[in-house]
Amino acid sequence: MSNARKLFVQRRLRSRAQLRRKANGRPRLSVFRSGRNIYAQVINDVEGKTLAAASTVDKELRGDISKPWTVEAAVEVGKAVAERAKKAGVTQVAFDRGAYRFHGRVKALADAAREAGLEF
């Protein structure tokens, strides 16, 4: 494993450990960001189940998004995952940014999810 990958994994584990201490049993809104797409899912760690998910590769969102690597696409994914989470009965989540810095697409997704009704 390269040094950069090791550091990435360490950041993700450190972030997740802090999140577990502070989450108080709430589901977590986990974000994965690739070079082209962004994915978000609400996960119940107690049961090990995904409660809601959205990404730029969803058929429903693909028509609205022309360039999936943009901040605007992340906003659409944030709105969609918040709507789907509310349908599943989830209103409070713990935001899991993984090893990514809280800016750009990750921040846009989080802000959109907040505006759409999720609390974190």
C-alpha atoms as a PDB file:
ATOM      1  CA  MET A   1       0.000   0.000   0.000  1.00  0.00           C
ATOM      2  CA  SER A   2       1.382   3.409  -0.917  1.00  0.00           C
ATOM      3  CA  ASN A   3       2.079   5.998   1.747  1.00  0.00           C
ATOM      4  CA  ALA A   4      -0.671   8.295   0.444  1.00  0.00           C
ATOM      5  CA  ARG A   5      -3.208   5.457   0.640  1.00  0.00           C
ATOM      6  CA  LYS A   6      -2.101   4.594   4.190  1.00  0.00           C
ATOM      7  CA  LEU A   7      -2.591   8.193   5.263  1.00  0.00           C
ATOM      8  CA  PHE A   8      -6.022   8.241   3.597  1.00  0.00           C
ATOM      9  CA  VAL A   9      -7.086   5.097   5.453  1.00  0.00           C
ATOM     10  CA  GLN A  10      -5.761   6.482   8.765  1.00  0.00           C
ATOM     11  CA  ARG A  11      -7.742   9.717   8.287  1.00  0.00           C
ATOM     12  CA  ARG A  12     -10.896   7.759   7.506  1.00  0.00           C
ATOM     13  CA  LEU A  13     -10.519   5.503  10.552  1.00  0.00           C
ATOM     14  CA  ARG A  14      -9.781   8.458  12.835  1.00  0.00           C
ATOM     15  CA  SER A  15     -12.805  10.337  11.513  1.00  0.00           C
ATOM     16  CA  ARG A  16     -15.044   7.294  11.922  1.00  0.00           C
ATOM     17  CA  ALA A  17     -13.840   6.626  15.486  1.00  0.00           C
ATOM     18  CA  GLN A  18     -14.659  10.190  16.509  1.00  0.00           C
ATOM     19  CA  LEU A  19     -18.027   9.864  14.825  1.00  0.00           C
ATOM     20  CA  ARG A  20     -18.869   6.679  16.738  1.00  0.00           C
ATOM     21  CA  ARG A  21     -18.156   8.407  20.048  1.00  0.00           C
ATOM     22  CA  LYS A  22     -20.390  11.366  19.239  1.00  0.00           C
ATOM     23  CA  ALA A  23     -23.191   9.779  17.185  1.00  0.00           C
ATOM     24  CA  ASN A  24     -25.248   8.415  20.125  1.00  0.00           C
ATOM     25  CA  GLY A  25     -26.813   5.671  18.021  1.00  0.00           C
ATOM     26  CA  ARG A  26     -27.934   7.922  15.175  1.00  0.00           C
ATOM     27  CA  PRO A  27     -27.595   6.607  11.621  1.00  0.00           C
ATOM     28  CA  ARG A  28     -24.670   8.053   9.701  1.00  0.00           C
ATOM     29  CA  LEU A  29     -24.732   9.862   6.386  1.00  0.00           C
ATOM     30  CA  SER A  30     -21.660   8.463   4.676  1.00  0.00           C
ATOM     31  CA  VAL A  31     -20.110  10.150   1.637  1.00  0.00           C
ATOM     32  CA  PHE A  32     -17.873   8.597  -1.016  1.00  0.00           C
ATOM     33  CA  ARG A  33     -16.343  10.842  -3.622  1.00  0.00           C
ATOM     34  CA  SER A  34     -14.597   9.611  -6.746  1.00  0.00           C
ATOM     35  CA  GLY A  35     -13.084  11.734  -9.467  1.00  0.00           C
ATOM     36  CA  ARG A  36     -16.263  11.649 -11.510  1.00  0.00           C
ATOM     37  CA  ASN A  37     -19.165  10.750  -9.202  1.00  0.00           C
ATOM     38  CA  ILE A  38     -20.351  11.268  -5.640  1.00  0.00           C
ATOM     39  CA  TYR A  39     -22.304   8.782  -3.547  1.00  0.00           C
ATOM     40  CA  ALA A  40     -24.165   9.206  -0.252  1.00  0.00           C
ATOM     41  CA  GLN A  41     -25.940   6.701   1.944  1.00  0.00           C
ATOM     42  CA  VAL A  42     -27.640   6.692   5.316  1.00  0.00           C
ATOM     43  CA  ILE A  43     -26.457   3.653   7.263  1.00  0.00           C
ATOM     44  CA  ASN A  44     -27.809   2.169  10.488  1.00  0.00           C
ATOM     45  CA  ASP A  45     -24.645   0.707  12.029  1.00  0.00           C
ATOM     46  CA  VAL A  46     -26.528  -1.125  14.785  1.00  0.00           C
ATOM     47  CA  GLU A  47     -28.421  -3.300  12.289  1.00  0.00           C
ATOM     48  CA  GLY A  48     -25.854  -3.034   9.503  1.00  0.00           C
ATOM     49  CA  LYS A  49     -28.426  -1.829   6.972  1.00  0.00           C
ATOM     50  CA  THR A  50     -28.517   0.960   4.422  1.00  0.00           C
ATOM     51  CA  LEU A  51     -31.668   3.012   4.985  1.00  0.00           C
ATOM     52  CA  ALA A  52     -31.368   5.408   2.033  1.00  0.00           C
ATOM     53  CA  ALA A  53     -28.900   6.087  -0.759  1.00  0.00           C
ATOM     54  CA  ALA A  54     -28.379   8.440  -3.678  1.00  0.00           C
ATOM     55  CA  SER A  55     -25.615   9.066  -6.177  1.00  0.00           C
ATOM     56  CA  THR A  56     -24.876  10.741  -9.467  1.00  0.00           C
ATOM     57  CA  VAL A  57     -25.230   7.384 -11.229  1.00  0.00           C
ATOM     58  CA  ASP A  58     -28.885   6.915 -10.150  1.00  0.00           C
ATOM     59  CA  LYS A  59     -31.247   6.728 -13.095  1.00  0.00           C
ATOM     60  CA  GLU A  60     -33.593   9.233 -11.462  1.00  0.00           C
ATOM     61  CA  LEU A  61     -30.854  11.827 -11.011  1.00  0.00           C
ATOM     62  CA  ARG A  62     -28.903  11.215 -14.201  1.00  0.00           C
ATOM     63  CA  GLY A  63     -31.404  13.181 -16.274  1.00  0.00           C
ATOM     64  CA  ASP A  64     -31.073  16.257 -14.035  1.00  0.00           C
ATOM     65  CA  ILE A  65     -27.280  16.164 -13.923  1.00  0.00           C
ATOM     66  CA  SER A  66     -25.235  16.928 -17.017  1.00  0.00           C
ATOM     67  CA  LYS A  67     -21.793  16.871 -15.362  1.00  0.00           C
ATOM     68  CA  PRO A  68     -21.661  14.493 -12.370  1.00  0.00           C
ATOM     69  CA  TRP A  69     -18.325  15.815 -11.057  1.00  0.00           C
ATOM     70  CA  THR A  70     -19.611  19.310 -10.244  1.00  0.00           C
ATOM     71  CA  VAL A  71     -20.750  20.946  -7.012  1.00  0.00           C
ATOM     72  CA  GLU A  72     -24.238  21.321  -8.519  1.00  0.00           C
ATOM     73  CA  ALA A  73     -24.438  17.537  -8.937  1.00  0.00           C
ATOM     74  CA  ALA A  74     -23.449  17.077  -5.282  1.00  0.00           C
ATOM     75  CA  VAL A  75     -26.271  19.434  -4.282  1.00  0.00           C
ATOM     76  CA  GLU A  76     -28.787  17.291  -6.182  1.00  0.00           C
ATOM     77  CA  VAL A  77     -27.470  14.125  -4.510  1.00  0.00           C
ATOM     78  CA  GLY A  78     -27.722  15.791  -1.090  1.00  0.00           C
ATOM     79  CA  LYS A  79     -31.345  16.742  -1.691  1.00  0.00           C
ATOM     80  CA  ALA A  80     -32.195  13.276  -2.976  1.00  0.00           C
ATOM     81  CA  VAL A  81     -30.599  11.398  -0.084  1.00  0.00           C
ATOM     82  CA  ALA A  82     -32.357  13.669   2.425  1.00  0.00           C
ATOM     83  CA  GLU A  83     -35.759  13.061   0.803  1.00  0.00           C
ATOM     84  CA  ARG A  84     -35.187   9.310   0.740  1.00  0.00           C
ATOM     85  CA  ALA A  85     -34.015   9.306   4.360  1.00  0.00           C
ATOM     86  CA  LYS A  86     -37.110  11.197   5.470  1.00  0.00           C
ATOM     87  CA  LYS A  87     -39.274   8.635   3.643  1.00  0.00           C
ATOM     88  CA  ALA A  88     -37.438   5.935   5.626  1.00  0.00           C
ATOM     89  CA  GLY A  89     -38.261   7.786   8.858  1.00  0.00           C
ATOM     90  CA  VAL A  90     -34.816   9.260   9.542  1.00  0.00           C
ATOM     91  CA  THR A  91     -34.494  12.943  10.435  1.00  0.00           C
ATOM     92  CA  GLN A  92     -31.291  13.031  12.517  1.00  0.00           C
ATOM     93  CA  VAL A  93     -28.005  11.661  11.246  1.00  0.00           C
ATOM     94  CA  ALA A  94     -24.303  11.909  11.985  1.00  0.00           C
ATOM     95  CA  PHE A  95     -22.349  13.193   8.983  1.00  0.00           C
ATOM     96  CA  ASP A  96     -19.462  10.914   7.974  1.00  0.00           C
ATOM     97  CA  ARG A  97     -17.142  12.747   5.615  1.00  0.00           C
ATOM     98  CA  GLY A  98     -14.714   9.837   5.579  1.00  0.00           C
ATOM     99  CA  ALA A  99     -11.176  11.004   4.859  1.00  0.00           C
ATOM    100  CA  TYR A 100     -12.291  13.912   2.673  1.00  0.00           C
ATOM    101  CA  ARG A 101     -11.946  17.520   3.743  1.00  0.00           C
ATOM    102  CA  PHE A 102     -15.213  19.318   4.442  1.00  0.00           C
ATOM    103  CA  HIS A 103     -15.222  21.621   1.428  1.00  0.00           C
ATOM    104  CA  GLY A 104     -16.229  21.582  -2.221  1.00  0.00           C
ATOM    105  CA  ARG A 105     -18.523  18.736  -3.239  1.00  0.00           C
ATOM    106  CA  VAL A 106     -18.657  17.179   0.239  1.00  0.00           C
ATOM    107  CA  LYS A 107     -19.702  20.475   1.840  1.00  0.00           C
ATOM    108  CA  ALA A 108     -22.247  21.141  -0.921  1.00  0.00           C
ATOM    109  CA  LEU A 109     -23.833  17.720  -0.364  1.00  0.00           C
ATOM    110  CA  ALA A 110     -23.996  18.276   3.409  1.00  0.00           C
ATOM    111  CA  ASP A 111     -25.519  21.752   3.070  1.00  0.00           C
ATOM    112  CA  ALA A 112     -28.132  20.510   0.600  1.00  0.00           C
ATOM    113  CA  ALA A 113     -29.072  17.625   2.900  1.00  0.00           C
ATOM    114  CA  ARG A 114     -29.481  20.092   5.791  1.00  0.00           C
ATOM    115  CA  GLU A 115     -31.678  22.377   3.699  1.00  0.00           C
ATOM    116  CA  ALA A 116     -33.809  19.399   2.650  1.00  0.00           C
ATOM    117  CA  GLY A 117     -34.557  18.534   6.286  1.00  0.00           C
ATOM    118  CA  LEU A 118     -31.833  16.324   7.750  1.00  0.00           C
ATOM    119  CA  GLU A 119     -30.395  17.422  11.083  1.00  0.00           C
ATOM    120  CA  PHE A 120     -26.709  16.997  11.896  1.00  0.00           C
END
